[in-house]
């Protein structure tokens, strides 16, 4: 009987000393509104450049998840469908080519880019501070609208129980940001053209050329713009820029003595020099408005001493705007 009683008392003592659950609390949650001015893109901006900035005061914060309870002050991005870009701390927006990065609290400098986590224990305090929002160029920018709405939240969270948290700040873009582009941009800059598959018996026939494969270079300009384009490629021995013929790659498993013949409306494409950009609706001019395209053709061209293998060639193009 004594053994049973002692076991019962041990169980009672264990329950009495189990730590009590304590919910996280803090200053009354605040809504912080961010106003970002409309943006006009000149076309001279480089990837990584800051297009515009905005700041807002966030005030002081008191928060705790209980006496001696370890917790974390967390900032999180809540922009719908935002994904991380290749630029540090920059996330996508609803406009291609424009990213956003947000810092809070600004006084903590480069460690405070959202999302971030700061440790705390017991009763914690964050002095009056500010939030910084930057819009950054991440690529080619088109005109459009960045919608208003929630951008980020700040919470305190118990390290013991992630479900135990308390919201301290909610950051919201107050009005939509209109983005106007005064520069041209290329649609689908990277293209892969399938030149087809051939057996070596076909390729070995005198005068053989592959089937012509059509492709286009698409350019969009918000206002009437004079445009020239340059196509660059490596020439095979004995050929000139006026022939429109470029060499193929010569890696281990690649075919040898192969080339690609490039034409514009079935005329040889001039290479390695700026030429007028041909509008699909007015061939031979270099004035571009809205969306236009330059129609091109590519075909396989065996050279003397051709061998079987993989065939790859690269054509690089750039634009000159006046």
C-alpha atoms as a PDB file:
ATOM      1  CA  UNK A   1       0.000   0.000   0.000  1.00  0.00           C
ATOM      2  CA  UNK A   2       2.846   2.386   0.755  1.00  0.00           C
ATOM      3  CA  UNK A   3       4.446   1.717  -2.642  1.00  0.00           C
ATOM      4  CA  UNK A   4       1.236   2.595  -4.419  1.00  0.00           C
ATOM      5  CA  UNK A   5       0.893   5.836  -2.449  1.00  0.00           C
ATOM      6  CA  UNK A   6       4.463   6.901  -3.179  1.00  0.00           C
ATOM      7  CA  UNK A   7       3.990   6.321  -6.899  1.00  0.00           C
ATOM      8  CA  UNK A   8       0.855   8.419  -6.848  1.00  0.00           C
ATOM      9  CA  UNK A   9       2.604  11.273  -5.038  1.00  0.00           C
ATOM     10  CA  UNK A  10       5.506  11.235  -7.525  1.00  0.00           C
ATOM     11  CA  UNK A  11       3.032  11.658 -10.375  1.00  0.00           C
ATOM     12  CA  UNK A  12       1.395  14.611  -8.648  1.00  0.00           C
ATOM     13  CA  UNK A  13       4.734  16.327  -8.071  1.00  0.00           C
ATOM     14  CA  UNK A  14       5.681  15.881 -11.742  1.00  0.00           C
ATOM     15  CA  UNK A  15       2.478  17.542 -12.911  1.00  0.00           C
ATOM     16  CA  UNK A  16       2.864  20.402 -10.471  1.00  0.00           C
ATOM     17  CA  UNK A  17       6.304  21.359 -11.832  1.00  0.00           C
ATOM     18  CA  UNK A  18       5.460  21.179 -15.560  1.00  0.00           C
ATOM     19  CA  UNK A  19       6.001  24.659 -17.110  1.00  0.00           C
ATOM     20  CA  UNK A  20       2.771  26.567 -17.654  1.00  0.00           C
ATOM     21  CA  UNK A  21       1.798  27.493 -21.252  1.00  0.00           C
ATOM     22  CA  UNK A  22       2.054  31.218 -21.987  1.00  0.00           C
ATOM     23  CA  UNK A  23       0.707  32.908 -25.140  1.00  0.00           C
ATOM     24  CA  UNK A  24       2.726  35.562 -26.976  1.00  0.00           C
ATOM     25  CA  UNK A  25       1.533  39.139 -26.552  1.00  0.00           C
ATOM     26  CA  UNK A  26       2.713  42.581 -27.583  1.00  0.00           C
ATOM     27  CA  UNK A  27       1.885  46.149 -28.473  1.00  0.00           C
ATOM     28  CA  UNK A  28      -1.392  46.710 -30.265  1.00  0.00           C
ATOM     29  CA  UNK A  29      -0.919  45.505 -33.869  1.00  0.00           C
ATOM     30  CA  UNK A  30      -0.364  48.372 -36.302  1.00  0.00           C
ATOM     31  CA  UNK A  31      -1.066  48.831 -39.996  1.00  0.00           C
ATOM     32  CA  UNK A  32       1.750  50.694 -41.778  1.00  0.00           C
ATOM     33  CA  UNK A  33       0.886  52.249 -45.147  1.00  0.00           C
ATOM     34  CA  UNK A  34       3.541  52.696 -47.838  1.00  0.00           C
ATOM     35  CA  UNK A  35       3.192  55.246 -50.639  1.00  0.00           C
ATOM     36  CA  UNK A  36       5.391  54.666 -53.694  1.00  0.00           C
ATOM     37  CA  UNK A  37       5.380  57.238 -56.515  1.00  0.00           C
ATOM     38  CA  UNK A  38       4.657  56.245 -60.116  1.00  0.00           C
ATOM     39  CA  UNK A  39       7.715  55.275 -62.174  1.00  0.00           C
ATOM     40  CA  UNK A  40       8.826  56.210 -65.679  1.00  0.00           C
ATOM     41  CA  UNK A  41      11.501  53.934 -67.150  1.00  0.00           C
ATOM     42  CA  UNK A  42      14.012  55.702 -69.399  1.00  0.00           C
ATOM     43  CA  UNK A  43      15.729  52.579 -70.687  1.00  0.00           C
ATOM     44  CA  UNK A  44      19.131  53.638 -69.329  1.00  0.00           C
ATOM     45  CA  UNK A  45      18.668  51.760 -66.057  1.00  0.00           C
ATOM     46  CA  UNK A  46      20.850  48.705 -65.443  1.00  0.00           C
ATOM     47  CA  UNK A  47      19.894  45.454 -63.761  1.00  0.00           C
ATOM     48  CA  UNK A  48      20.311  45.936 -60.024  1.00  0.00           C
ATOM     49  CA  UNK A  49      19.594  49.685 -60.114  1.00  0.00           C
ATOM     50  CA  UNK A  50      17.121  51.029 -57.554  1.00  0.00           C
ATOM     51  CA  UNK A  51      14.215  52.630 -59.423  1.00  0.00           C
ATOM     52  CA  UNK A  52      12.520  54.269 -56.436  1.00  0.00           C
ATOM     53  CA  UNK A  53      12.340  54.068 -52.637  1.00  0.00           C
ATOM     54  CA  UNK A  54       9.764  54.739 -49.946  1.00  0.00           C
ATOM     55  CA  UNK A  55       9.929  54.760 -46.150  1.00  0.00           C
ATOM     56  CA  UNK A  56       7.449  54.860 -43.258  1.00  0.00           C
ATOM     57  CA  UNK A  57       7.747  55.068 -39.477  1.00  0.00           C
ATOM     58  CA  UNK A  58       6.823  51.945 -37.523  1.00  0.00           C
ATOM     59  CA  UNK A  59       6.995  53.192 -33.907  1.00  0.00           C
ATOM     60  CA  UNK A  60       8.257  51.282 -30.856  1.00  0.00           C
ATOM     61  CA  UNK A  61       7.213  47.716 -30.048  1.00  0.00           C
ATOM     62  CA  UNK A  62       6.929  45.741 -26.808  1.00  0.00           C
ATOM     63  CA  UNK A  63       6.431  41.976 -27.007  1.00  0.00           C
ATOM     64  CA  UNK A  64       6.876  38.755 -25.057  1.00  0.00           C
ATOM     65  CA  UNK A  65       6.025  35.062 -25.150  1.00  0.00           C
ATOM     66  CA  UNK A  66       6.325  34.700 -21.372  1.00  0.00           C
ATOM     67  CA  UNK A  67       8.881  35.118 -18.588  1.00  0.00           C
ATOM     68  CA  UNK A  68      12.184  33.496 -19.606  1.00  0.00           C
ATOM     69  CA  UNK A  69      10.554  32.095 -22.747  1.00  0.00           C
ATOM     70  CA  UNK A  70      12.796  32.256 -25.837  1.00  0.00           C
ATOM     71  CA  UNK A  71      11.087  33.781 -28.844  1.00  0.00           C
ATOM     72  CA  UNK A  72      11.842  35.223 -32.278  1.00  0.00           C
ATOM     73  CA  UNK A  73      10.950  38.522 -33.892  1.00  0.00           C
ATOM     74  CA  UNK A  74      10.156  37.532 -37.479  1.00  0.00           C
ATOM     75  CA  UNK A  75       9.598  39.588 -40.615  1.00  0.00           C
ATOM     76  CA  UNK A  76       8.001  37.846 -43.596  1.00  0.00           C
ATOM     77  CA  UNK A  77       7.118  38.796 -47.148  1.00  0.00           C
ATOM     78  CA  UNK A  78       3.421  38.379 -48.003  1.00  0.00           C
ATOM     79  CA  UNK A  79       3.259  39.731 -51.582  1.00  0.00           C
ATOM     80  CA  UNK A  80       1.151  37.210 -53.554  1.00  0.00           C
ATOM     81  CA  UNK A  81       3.205  34.877 -55.785  1.00  0.00           C
ATOM     82  CA  UNK A  82       6.477  36.670 -55.031  1.00  0.00           C
ATOM     83  CA  UNK A  83       9.575  34.560 -55.675  1.00  0.00           C
ATOM     84  CA  UNK A  84      13.228  35.257 -54.967  1.00  0.00           C
ATOM     85  CA  UNK A  85      15.290  36.647 -57.859  1.00  0.00           C
ATOM     86  CA  UNK A  86      19.007  36.278 -58.507  1.00  0.00           C
ATOM     87  CA  UNK A  87      19.598  39.699 -56.921  1.00  0.00           C
ATOM     88  CA  UNK A  88      20.209  39.646 -53.144  1.00  0.00           C
ATOM     89  CA  UNK A  89      17.038  40.133 -51.072  1.00  0.00           C
ATOM     90  CA  UNK A  90      14.975  41.058 -54.165  1.00  0.00           C
ATOM     91  CA  UNK A  91      11.636  39.374 -54.924  1.00  0.00           C
ATOM     92  CA  UNK A  92       9.397  39.500 -57.976  1.00  0.00           C
ATOM     93  CA  UNK A  93       6.416  41.825 -58.371  1.00  0.00           C
ATOM     94  CA  UNK A  94       3.462  41.687 -60.757  1.00  0.00           C
ATOM     95  CA  UNK A  95       5.546  43.506 -63.409  1.00  0.00           C
ATOM     96  CA  UNK A  96       8.234  41.569 -65.238  1.00  0.00           C
ATOM     97  CA  UNK A  97      11.623  43.215 -64.764  1.00  0.00           C
ATOM     98  CA  UNK A  98      10.780  44.971 -61.486  1.00  0.00           C
ATOM     99  CA  UNK A  99      11.573  43.420 -58.105  1.00  0.00           C
ATOM    100  CA  UNK A 100      11.069  44.598 -54.543  1.00  0.00           C
ATOM    101  CA  UNK A 101      13.208  44.458 -51.429  1.00  0.00           C
ATOM    102  CA  UNK A 102      12.047  45.510 -47.988  1.00  0.00           C
ATOM    103  CA  UNK A 103      14.069  46.295 -44.874  1.00  0.00           C
ATOM    104  CA  UNK A 104      12.821  46.435 -41.291  1.00  0.00           C
ATOM    105  CA  UNK A 105      13.988  47.714 -38.877  1.00  0.00           C
ATOM    106  CA  UNK A 106      16.234  50.035 -40.878  1.00  0.00           C
ATOM    107  CA  UNK A 107      18.517  50.610 -37.868  1.00  0.00           C
ATOM    108  CA  UNK A 108      19.733  46.994 -38.122  1.00  0.00           C
ATOM    109  CA  UNK A 109      21.195  47.729 -41.564  1.00  0.00           C
ATOM    110  CA  UNK A 110      21.929  44.835 -43.930  1.00  0.00           C
ATOM    111  CA  UNK A 111      20.782  42.050 -41.585  1.00  0.00           C
ATOM    112  CA  UNK A 112      17.233  43.404 -41.642  1.00  0.00           C
ATOM    113  CA  UNK A 113      16.188  42.641 -45.224  1.00  0.00           C
ATOM    114  CA  UNK A 114      12.868  40.795 -45.131  1.00  0.00           C
ATOM    115  CA  UNK A 115      12.510  37.922 -44.441  1.00  0.00           C
ATOM    116  CA  UNK A 116      14.631  38.038 -41.278  1.00  0.00           C
ATOM    117  CA  UNK A 117      14.622  36.606 -37.749  1.00  0.00           C
ATOM    118  CA  UNK A 118      15.938  38.181 -34.534  1.00  0.00           C
ATOM    119  CA  UNK A 119      16.229  36.294 -31.191  1.00  0.00           C
ATOM    120  CA  UNK A 120      14.558  37.437 -27.979  1.00  0.00           C
ATOM    121  CA  UNK A 121      13.823  36.125 -24.493  1.00  0.00           C
ATOM    122  CA  UNK A 122      11.247  37.223 -21.946  1.00  0.00           C
ATOM    123  CA  UNK A 123      10.053  40.807 -22.218  1.00  0.00           C
ATOM    124  CA  UNK A 124      11.466  42.343 -25.422  1.00  0.00           C
ATOM    125  CA  UNK A 125      11.580  45.808 -26.927  1.00  0.00           C
ATOM    126  CA  UNK A 126      12.198  47.277 -30.366  1.00  0.00           C
ATOM    127  CA  UNK A 127      12.667  51.017 -30.376  1.00  0.00           C
ATOM    128  CA  UNK A 128      10.902  53.359 -32.773  1.00  0.00           C
ATOM    129  CA  UNK A 129      12.182  52.657 -36.262  1.00  0.00           C
ATOM    130  CA  UNK A 130      11.338  52.774 -39.976  1.00  0.00           C
ATOM    131  CA  UNK A 131      10.623  50.436 -42.855  1.00  0.00           C
ATOM    132  CA  UNK A 132      12.276  50.803 -46.274  1.00  0.00           C
ATOM    133  CA  UNK A 133      10.775  49.602 -49.570  1.00  0.00           C
ATOM    134  CA  UNK A 134      12.838  49.641 -52.771  1.00  0.00           C
ATOM    135  CA  UNK A 135      11.805  48.783 -56.318  1.00  0.00           C
ATOM    136  CA  UNK A 136      14.724  47.344 -58.282  1.00  0.00           C
ATOM    137  CA  UNK A 137      15.321  46.578 -61.964  1.00  0.00           C
ATOM    138  CA  UNK A 138      15.692  42.824 -62.482  1.00  0.00           C
ATOM    139  CA  UNK A 139      15.348  42.639 -66.286  1.00  0.00           C
ATOM    140  CA  UNK A 140      13.512  44.122 -69.263  1.00  0.00           C
ATOM    141  CA  UNK A 141      10.617  46.252 -68.008  1.00  0.00           C
ATOM    142  CA  UNK A 142       7.215  46.655 -69.604  1.00  0.00           C
ATOM    143  CA  UNK A 143       4.582  49.206 -68.723  1.00  0.00           C
ATOM    144  CA  UNK A 144       2.036  48.024 -66.181  1.00  0.00           C
ATOM    145  CA  UNK A 145       0.650  48.395 -62.671  1.00  0.00           C
ATOM    146  CA  UNK A 146       1.899  47.106 -59.333  1.00  0.00           C
ATOM    147  CA  UNK A 147      -1.318  46.581 -57.411  1.00  0.00           C
ATOM    148  CA  UNK A 148      -1.859  47.910 -53.913  1.00  0.00           C
ATOM    149  CA  UNK A 149      -2.101  45.396 -51.096  1.00  0.00           C
ATOM    150  CA  UNK A 150      -0.248  43.691 -48.282  1.00  0.00           C
ATOM    151  CA  UNK A 151       3.537  43.418 -48.645  1.00  0.00           C
ATOM    152  CA  UNK A 152       4.893  42.116 -45.317  1.00  0.00           C
ATOM    153  CA  UNK A 153       4.109  41.196 -41.713  1.00  0.00           C
ATOM    154  CA  UNK A 154       6.093  41.340 -38.462  1.00  0.00           C
ATOM    155  CA  UNK A 155       5.301  38.824 -35.701  1.00  0.00           C
ATOM    156  CA  UNK A 156       6.758  37.534 -32.448  1.00  0.00           C
ATOM    157  CA  UNK A 157       6.811  33.742 -32.244  1.00  0.00           C
ATOM    158  CA  UNK A 158       7.578  31.322 -29.415  1.00  0.00           C
ATOM    159  CA  UNK A 159      10.612  29.119 -30.059  1.00  0.00           C
ATOM    160  CA  UNK A 160       8.839  26.319 -28.203  1.00  0.00           C
ATOM    161  CA  UNK A 161       5.584  26.406 -30.150  1.00  0.00           C
ATOM    162  CA  UNK A 162       5.450  27.949 -33.630  1.00  0.00           C
ATOM    163  CA  UNK A 163       1.656  28.204 -33.358  1.00  0.00           C
ATOM    164  CA  UNK A 164       2.117  30.573 -30.437  1.00  0.00           C
ATOM    165  CA  UNK A 165       2.666  33.950 -32.116  1.00  0.00           C
ATOM    166  CA  UNK A 166       1.416  37.519 -32.111  1.00  0.00           C
ATOM    167  CA  UNK A 167       1.219  39.971 -35.013  1.00  0.00           C
ATOM    168  CA  UNK A 168       2.913  43.322 -34.383  1.00  0.00           C
ATOM    169  CA  UNK A 169       2.997  45.052 -37.763  1.00  0.00           C
ATOM    170  CA  UNK A 170       1.309  44.683 -41.131  1.00  0.00           C
ATOM    171  CA  UNK A 171       2.832  46.586 -44.071  1.00  0.00           C
ATOM    172  CA  UNK A 172       0.600  47.526 -46.975  1.00  0.00           C
ATOM    173  CA  UNK A 173       1.172  49.324 -50.277  1.00  0.00           C
ATOM    174  CA  UNK A 174      -1.469  52.025 -50.007  1.00  0.00           C
ATOM    175  CA  UNK A 175      -1.973  52.916 -53.681  1.00  0.00           C
ATOM    176  CA  UNK A 176      -1.111  51.133 -56.921  1.00  0.00           C
ATOM    177  CA  UNK A 177       2.146  52.065 -58.679  1.00  0.00           C
ATOM    178  CA  UNK A 178       1.875  52.893 -62.385  1.00  0.00           C
ATOM    179  CA  UNK A 179       4.978  51.996 -64.379  1.00  0.00           C
ATOM    180  CA  UNK A 180       5.511  53.650 -67.765  1.00  0.00           C
ATOM    181  CA  UNK A 181       8.320  52.502 -70.040  1.00  0.00           C
ATOM    182  CA  UNK A 182       9.872  54.906 -72.525  1.00  0.00           C
ATOM    183  CA  UNK A 183      12.255  52.231 -73.803  1.00  0.00           C
ATOM    184  CA  UNK A 184      11.980  49.378 -76.276  1.00  0.00           C
ATOM    185  CA  UNK A 185      12.179  45.798 -75.087  1.00  0.00           C
ATOM    186  CA  UNK A 186      12.770  42.465 -76.766  1.00  0.00           C
ATOM    187  CA  UNK A 187      10.084  39.816 -76.463  1.00  0.00           C
ATOM    188  CA  UNK A 188      11.442  36.318 -75.759  1.00  0.00           C
ATOM    189  CA  UNK A 189      15.114  37.234 -76.000  1.00  0.00           C
ATOM    190  CA  UNK A 190      16.377  33.639 -75.868  1.00  0.00           C
ATOM    191  CA  UNK A 191      15.174  31.357 -78.651  1.00  0.00           C
ATOM    192  CA  UNK A 192      16.040  27.798 -79.681  1.00  0.00           C
ATOM    193  CA  UNK A 193      15.530  26.883 -83.334  1.00  0.00           C
ATOM    194  CA  UNK A 194      15.242  23.180 -84.217  1.00  0.00           C
ATOM    195  CA  UNK A 195      17.071  22.731 -87.542  1.00  0.00           C
ATOM    196  CA  UNK A 196      15.755  19.177 -87.984  1.00  0.00           C
ATOM    197  CA  UNK A 197      17.308  15.705 -88.149  1.00  0.00           C
ATOM    198  CA  UNK A 198      19.033  14.276 -91.217  1.00  0.00           C
ATOM    199  CA  UNK A 199      20.903  11.103 -92.042  1.00  0.00           C
ATOM    200  CA  UNK A 200      24.428  11.418 -93.327  1.00  0.00           C
ATOM    201  CA  UNK A 201      23.502  10.052 -96.767  1.00  0.00           C
ATOM    202  CA  UNK A 202      21.224  13.085 -97.261  1.00  0.00           C
ATOM    203  CA  UNK A 203      23.843  15.537 -96.056  1.00  0.00           C
ATOM    204  CA  UNK A 204      26.512  14.052 -98.337  1.00  0.00           C
ATOM    205  CA  UNK A 205      24.592  14.838-101.527  1.00  0.00           C
ATOM    206  CA  UNK A 206      26.065  17.695-103.598  1.00  0.00           C
ATOM    207  CA  UNK A 207      24.235  20.999-103.058  1.00  0.00           C
ATOM    208  CA  UNK A 208      22.268  19.754-100.034  1.00  0.00           C
ATOM    209  CA  UNK A 209      20.685  22.356 -97.718  1.00  0.00           C
ATOM    210  CA  UNK A 210      18.421  21.670 -94.776  1.00  0.00           C
ATOM    211  CA  UNK A 211      14.753  22.613 -94.606  1.00  0.00           C
ATOM    212  CA  UNK A 212      14.257  26.332 -93.949  1.00  0.00           C
ATOM    213  CA  UNK A 213      13.129  27.026 -90.369  1.00  0.00           C
ATOM    214  CA  UNK A 214      11.351  30.331 -89.750  1.00  0.00           C
ATOM    215  CA  UNK A 215      11.952  32.389 -86.619  1.00  0.00           C
ATOM    216  CA  UNK A 216      11.542  36.028 -85.644  1.00  0.00           C
ATOM    217  CA  UNK A 217      13.111  38.741 -83.547  1.00  0.00           C
ATOM    218  CA  UNK A 218      10.307  40.585 -81.745  1.00  0.00           C
ATOM    219  CA  UNK A 219      10.748  44.177 -80.598  1.00  0.00           C
ATOM    220  CA  UNK A 220       8.264  46.415 -78.760  1.00  0.00           C
ATOM    221  CA  UNK A 221       8.668  50.192 -78.522  1.00  0.00           C
ATOM    222  CA  UNK A 222       6.179  52.467 -76.700  1.00  0.00           C
ATOM    223  CA  UNK A 223       6.804  55.341 -79.128  1.00  0.00           C
ATOM    224  CA  UNK A 224       8.000  55.554 -82.713  1.00  0.00           C
ATOM    225  CA  UNK A 225      11.693  54.683 -82.580  1.00  0.00           C
ATOM    226  CA  UNK A 226      14.442  54.349 -85.180  1.00  0.00           C
ATOM    227  CA  UNK A 227      16.070  50.952 -84.645  1.00  0.00           C
ATOM    228  CA  UNK A 228      19.051  49.112 -86.046  1.00  0.00           C
ATOM    229  CA  UNK A 229      19.997  45.537 -85.238  1.00  0.00           C
ATOM    230  CA  UNK A 230      23.284  43.622 -85.362  1.00  0.00           C
ATOM    231  CA  UNK A 231      23.537  39.837 -85.681  1.00  0.00           C
ATOM    232  CA  UNK A 232      26.831  38.363 -84.557  1.00  0.00           C
ATOM    233  CA  UNK A 233      28.249  34.926 -85.273  1.00  0.00           C
ATOM    234  CA  UNK A 234      31.514  33.179 -86.136  1.00  0.00           C
ATOM    235  CA  UNK A 235      32.152  32.888 -89.869  1.00  0.00           C
ATOM    236  CA  UNK A 236      33.469  29.672 -91.455  1.00  0.00           C
ATOM    237  CA  UNK A 237      36.763  30.042 -93.369  1.00  0.00           C
ATOM    238  CA  UNK A 238      36.268  31.620 -96.782  1.00  0.00           C
ATOM    239  CA  UNK A 239      32.958  33.327 -95.998  1.00  0.00           C
ATOM    240  CA  UNK A 240      32.189  37.036 -95.427  1.00  0.00           C
ATOM    241  CA  UNK A 241      29.656  38.947 -93.351  1.00  0.00           C
ATOM    242  CA  UNK A 242      27.501  39.417 -96.456  1.00  0.00           C
ATOM    243  CA  UNK A 243      27.027  35.642 -96.917  1.00  0.00           C
ATOM    244  CA  UNK A 244      24.902  35.204 -93.764  1.00  0.00           C
ATOM    245  CA  UNK A 245      26.595  31.921 -92.814  1.00  0.00           C
ATOM    246  CA  UNK A 246      27.845  31.042 -89.313  1.00  0.00           C
ATOM    247  CA  UNK A 247      29.914  28.142 -88.003  1.00  0.00           C
ATOM    248  CA  UNK A 248      28.514  25.419 -85.764  1.00  0.00           C
ATOM    249  CA  UNK A 249      29.994  24.261 -82.474  1.00  0.00           C
ATOM    250  CA  UNK A 250      32.921  21.811 -82.558  1.00  0.00           C
ATOM    251  CA  UNK A 251      32.804  19.931 -79.255  1.00  0.00           C
ATOM    252  CA  UNK A 252      33.601  16.228 -78.818  1.00  0.00           C
ATOM    253  CA  UNK A 253      30.327  14.781 -80.167  1.00  0.00           C
ATOM    254  CA  UNK A 254      29.584  17.578 -82.645  1.00  0.00           C
ATOM    255  CA  UNK A 255      29.577  17.292 -86.424  1.00  0.00           C
ATOM    256  CA  UNK A 256      32.538  18.846 -88.228  1.00  0.00           C
ATOM    257  CA  UNK A 257      32.518  21.247 -91.163  1.00  0.00           C
ATOM    258  CA  UNK A 258      28.873  22.223 -90.723  1.00  0.00           C
ATOM    259  CA  UNK A 259      27.339  25.692 -90.896  1.00  0.00           C
ATOM    260  CA  UNK A 260      23.973  27.450 -90.590  1.00  0.00           C
ATOM    261  CA  UNK A 261      22.680  29.609 -93.419  1.00  0.00           C
ATOM    262  CA  UNK A 262      20.682  32.659 -92.249  1.00  0.00           C
ATOM    263  CA  UNK A 263      18.366  34.666 -94.464  1.00  0.00           C
ATOM    264  CA  UNK A 264      15.975  37.602 -94.138  1.00  0.00           C
ATOM    265  CA  UNK A 265      13.041  37.245 -96.548  1.00  0.00           C
ATOM    266  CA  UNK A 266      15.207  34.688 -98.382  1.00  0.00           C
ATOM    267  CA  UNK A 267      18.075  37.158 -98.804  1.00  0.00           C
ATOM    268  CA  UNK A 268      21.420  36.523 -97.005  1.00  0.00           C
ATOM    269  CA  UNK A 269      21.387  38.081 -93.536  1.00  0.00           C
ATOM    270  CA  UNK A 270      24.214  40.598 -93.134  1.00  0.00           C
ATOM    271  CA  UNK A 271      26.285  39.720 -90.076  1.00  0.00           C
ATOM    272  CA  UNK A 272      28.470  41.575 -87.558  1.00  0.00           C
ATOM    273  CA  UNK A 273      27.202  45.049 -88.560  1.00  0.00           C
ATOM    274  CA  UNK A 274      24.191  47.204 -87.715  1.00  0.00           C
ATOM    275  CA  UNK A 275      21.429  47.029 -90.327  1.00  0.00           C
ATOM    276  CA  UNK A 276      17.866  48.479 -90.401  1.00  0.00           C
ATOM    277  CA  UNK A 277      15.379  46.551 -88.306  1.00  0.00           C
ATOM    278  CA  UNK A 278      12.743  45.211 -90.701  1.00  0.00           C
ATOM    279  CA  UNK A 279       9.161  45.677 -89.642  1.00  0.00           C
ATOM    280  CA  UNK A 280       6.825  42.838 -90.632  1.00  0.00           C
ATOM    281  CA  UNK A 281       4.339  45.315 -92.103  1.00  0.00           C
ATOM    282  CA  UNK A 282       6.816  47.569 -93.893  1.00  0.00           C
ATOM    283  CA  UNK A 283       9.872  45.586 -94.866  1.00  0.00           C
ATOM    284  CA  UNK A 284      13.056  47.607 -95.278  1.00  0.00           C
ATOM    285  CA  UNK A 285      12.311  50.395 -92.797  1.00  0.00           C
ATOM    286  CA  UNK A 286      13.782  50.814 -89.343  1.00  0.00           C
ATOM    287  CA  UNK A 287      10.916  52.654 -87.618  1.00  0.00           C
ATOM    288  CA  UNK A 288       9.313  50.595 -84.858  1.00  0.00           C
ATOM    289  CA  UNK A 289       6.101  51.333 -82.945  1.00  0.00           C
ATOM    290  CA  UNK A 290       4.200  48.987 -80.681  1.00  0.00           C
ATOM    291  CA  UNK A 291       5.083  45.345 -81.312  1.00  0.00           C
ATOM    292  CA  UNK A 292       6.876  44.397 -84.522  1.00  0.00           C
ATOM    293  CA  UNK A 293       9.002  41.519 -85.696  1.00  0.00           C
ATOM    294  CA  UNK A 294      11.808  40.759 -88.082  1.00  0.00           C
ATOM    295  CA  UNK A 295      11.207  37.509 -89.970  1.00  0.00           C
ATOM    296  CA  UNK A 296      14.270  35.334 -90.469  1.00  0.00           C
ATOM    297  CA  UNK A 297      15.062  31.848 -91.726  1.00  0.00           C
ATOM    298  CA  UNK A 298      17.739  29.334 -90.744  1.00  0.00           C
ATOM    299  CA  UNK A 299      18.814  26.098 -92.444  1.00  0.00           C
ATOM    300  CA  UNK A 300      21.596  23.551 -92.157  1.00  0.00           C
ATOM    301  CA  UNK A 301      24.456  23.932 -94.648  1.00  0.00           C
ATOM    302  CA  UNK A 302      27.081  21.158 -94.928  1.00  0.00           C
ATOM    303  CA  UNK A 303      30.564  22.310 -95.928  1.00  0.00           C
ATOM    304  CA  UNK A 304      33.360  20.376 -97.603  1.00  0.00           C
ATOM    305  CA  UNK A 305      34.481  17.480 -95.416  1.00  0.00           C
ATOM    306  CA  UNK A 306      31.301  17.397 -93.298  1.00  0.00           C
ATOM    307  CA  UNK A 307      31.019  14.629 -90.679  1.00  0.00           C
ATOM    308  CA  UNK A 308      28.004  13.298 -88.712  1.00  0.00           C
ATOM    309  CA  UNK A 309      27.235  14.403 -85.149  1.00  0.00           C
ATOM    310  CA  UNK A 310      25.340  16.988 -83.125  1.00  0.00           C
ATOM    311  CA  UNK A 311      24.844  20.418 -84.677  1.00  0.00           C
ATOM    312  CA  UNK A 312      24.654  23.592 -82.579  1.00  0.00           C
ATOM    313  CA  UNK A 313      25.237  27.217 -83.520  1.00  0.00           C
ATOM    314  CA  UNK A 314      24.766  30.499 -81.655  1.00  0.00           C
ATOM    315  CA  UNK A 315      23.532  33.787 -83.104  1.00  0.00           C
ATOM    316  CA  UNK A 316      23.690  36.867 -80.857  1.00  0.00           C
ATOM    317  CA  UNK A 317      21.718  40.018 -81.690  1.00  0.00           C
ATOM    318  CA  UNK A 318      21.739  43.533 -80.232  1.00  0.00           C
ATOM    319  CA  UNK A 319      19.860  46.756 -80.960  1.00  0.00           C
ATOM    320  CA  UNK A 320      20.817  50.367 -81.490  1.00  0.00           C
ATOM    321  CA  UNK A 321      18.047  52.867 -80.714  1.00  0.00           C
ATOM    322  CA  UNK A 322      18.052  56.448 -81.994  1.00  0.00           C
END
